Amino acid sequence: MEKCCRVQIIADQAAAARGQRPRVIDPETAALTQKVLGSERAGWFQGTVEFQLLEHEEGKRFEYIPAIKGRL
C-alpha cells in the first residue's frame, strides 16, 4: 500500500509541475486493472525483489502462504 501511495504522490506532483491534473481512468479500466494486478499472488510477485533484499539483509526467508478466506 505504501508503494501505491508513493506512486500516486509522484503522479500528482508530476502533473502539478506541468500545470495539469492527473488523468483519471474510467471505472471499467480500474476494475480490469484490479483484476489483473490486485490479486494476493500478484501482490506477492510484485514484492519479490523487496523480499529478496530483506532475506539477504536479515537472513530470514519469506514464503508465500495464501491467506485463508475470511481471515484477512
Protein backbone atom coordinates (compact mmCIF):
# COMPACT_ATOMS: atom_id res chain seq x y z
CA MET A 1 0.00 0.00 0.00
CA GLU A 2 2.84 2.37 0.85
CA LYS A 3 4.31 1.90 -2.62
CA CYS A 4 0.94 2.68 -4.24
CA CYS A 5 0.60 5.85 -2.19
CA ARG A 6 4.13 6.92 -3.11
CA VAL A 7 3.39 6.40 -6.81
CA GLN A 8 0.16 8.43 -6.50
CA ILE A 9 2.01 11.32 -4.86
CA ILE A 10 4.66 11.28 -7.61
CA ALA A 11 1.93 11.30 -10.29
CA ASP A 12 0.17 14.21 -8.58
CA GLN A 13 3.41 16.19 -8.34
CA ALA A 14 4.40 15.47 -11.95
CA ALA A 15 1.02 16.66 -13.21
CA ALA A 16 1.09 19.76 -10.99
CA ALA A 17 4.56 20.67 -12.28
CA ARG A 18 3.04 20.85 -15.77
CA GLY A 19 0.01 22.78 -14.56
CA GLN A 20 -2.25 19.77 -15.07
CA ARG A 21 -4.22 17.29 -13.02
CA PRO A 22 -3.56 13.54 -13.03
CA ARG A 23 -5.51 11.61 -15.66
CA VAL A 24 -8.44 9.74 -14.12
CA ILE A 25 -9.33 6.34 -15.57
CA ASP A 26 -12.86 5.09 -16.02
CA PRO A 27 -14.36 2.54 -13.58
CA GLU A 28 -14.19 -0.30 -16.12
CA THR A 29 -10.45 0.18 -16.65
CA ALA A 30 -9.91 0.43 -12.89
CA ALA A 31 -11.81 -2.83 -12.33
CA LEU A 32 -9.81 -4.62 -15.03
CA THR A 33 -6.53 -3.31 -13.58
CA GLN A 34 -7.53 -4.55 -10.12
CA LYS A 35 -8.49 -7.93 -11.55
CA VAL A 36 -5.10 -8.30 -13.28
CA LEU A 37 -2.80 -6.72 -10.68
CA GLY A 38 -4.79 -6.79 -7.47
CA SER A 39 -4.73 -10.44 -6.53
CA GLU A 40 -2.94 -11.73 -3.48
CA ARG A 41 -0.49 -13.72 -5.62
CA ALA A 42 0.18 -10.70 -7.85
CA GLY A 43 0.98 -8.66 -4.75
CA TRP A 44 3.45 -11.31 -3.62
CA PHE A 45 5.06 -11.37 -7.07
CA GLN A 46 5.37 -7.57 -7.17
CA GLY A 47 7.11 -7.60 -3.79
CA THR A 48 9.55 -10.40 -4.67
CA VAL A 49 12.55 -8.11 -5.18
CA GLU A 50 11.97 -6.41 -1.82
CA PHE A 51 11.53 -9.79 -0.11
CA GLN A 52 14.81 -10.98 -1.63
CA LEU A 53 16.60 -7.88 -0.34
CA LEU A 54 15.20 -8.44 3.14
CA GLU A 55 16.22 -12.10 3.00
CA HIS A 56 19.76 -11.03 2.13
CA GLU A 57 19.94 -8.30 4.78
CA GLU A 58 18.15 -10.11 7.61
CA GLY A 59 18.93 -13.74 6.82
CA LYS A 60 15.25 -14.63 7.07
CA ARG A 61 13.35 -16.50 4.35
CA PHE A 62 9.95 -15.21 3.28
CA GLU A 63 7.49 -17.71 1.82
CA TYR A 64 4.18 -17.19 0.11
CA ILE A 65 1.41 -18.58 2.29
CA PRO A 66 -2.06 -17.93 0.86
CA ALA A 67 -4.47 -16.19 3.20
CA ILE A 68 -7.40 -18.19 4.46
CA LYS A 69 -10.60 -16.73 3.03
CA GLY A 70 -12.48 -14.79 5.66
CA ARG A 71 -9.39 -14.25 7.82
CA LEU A 72 -7.80 -11.27 6.03
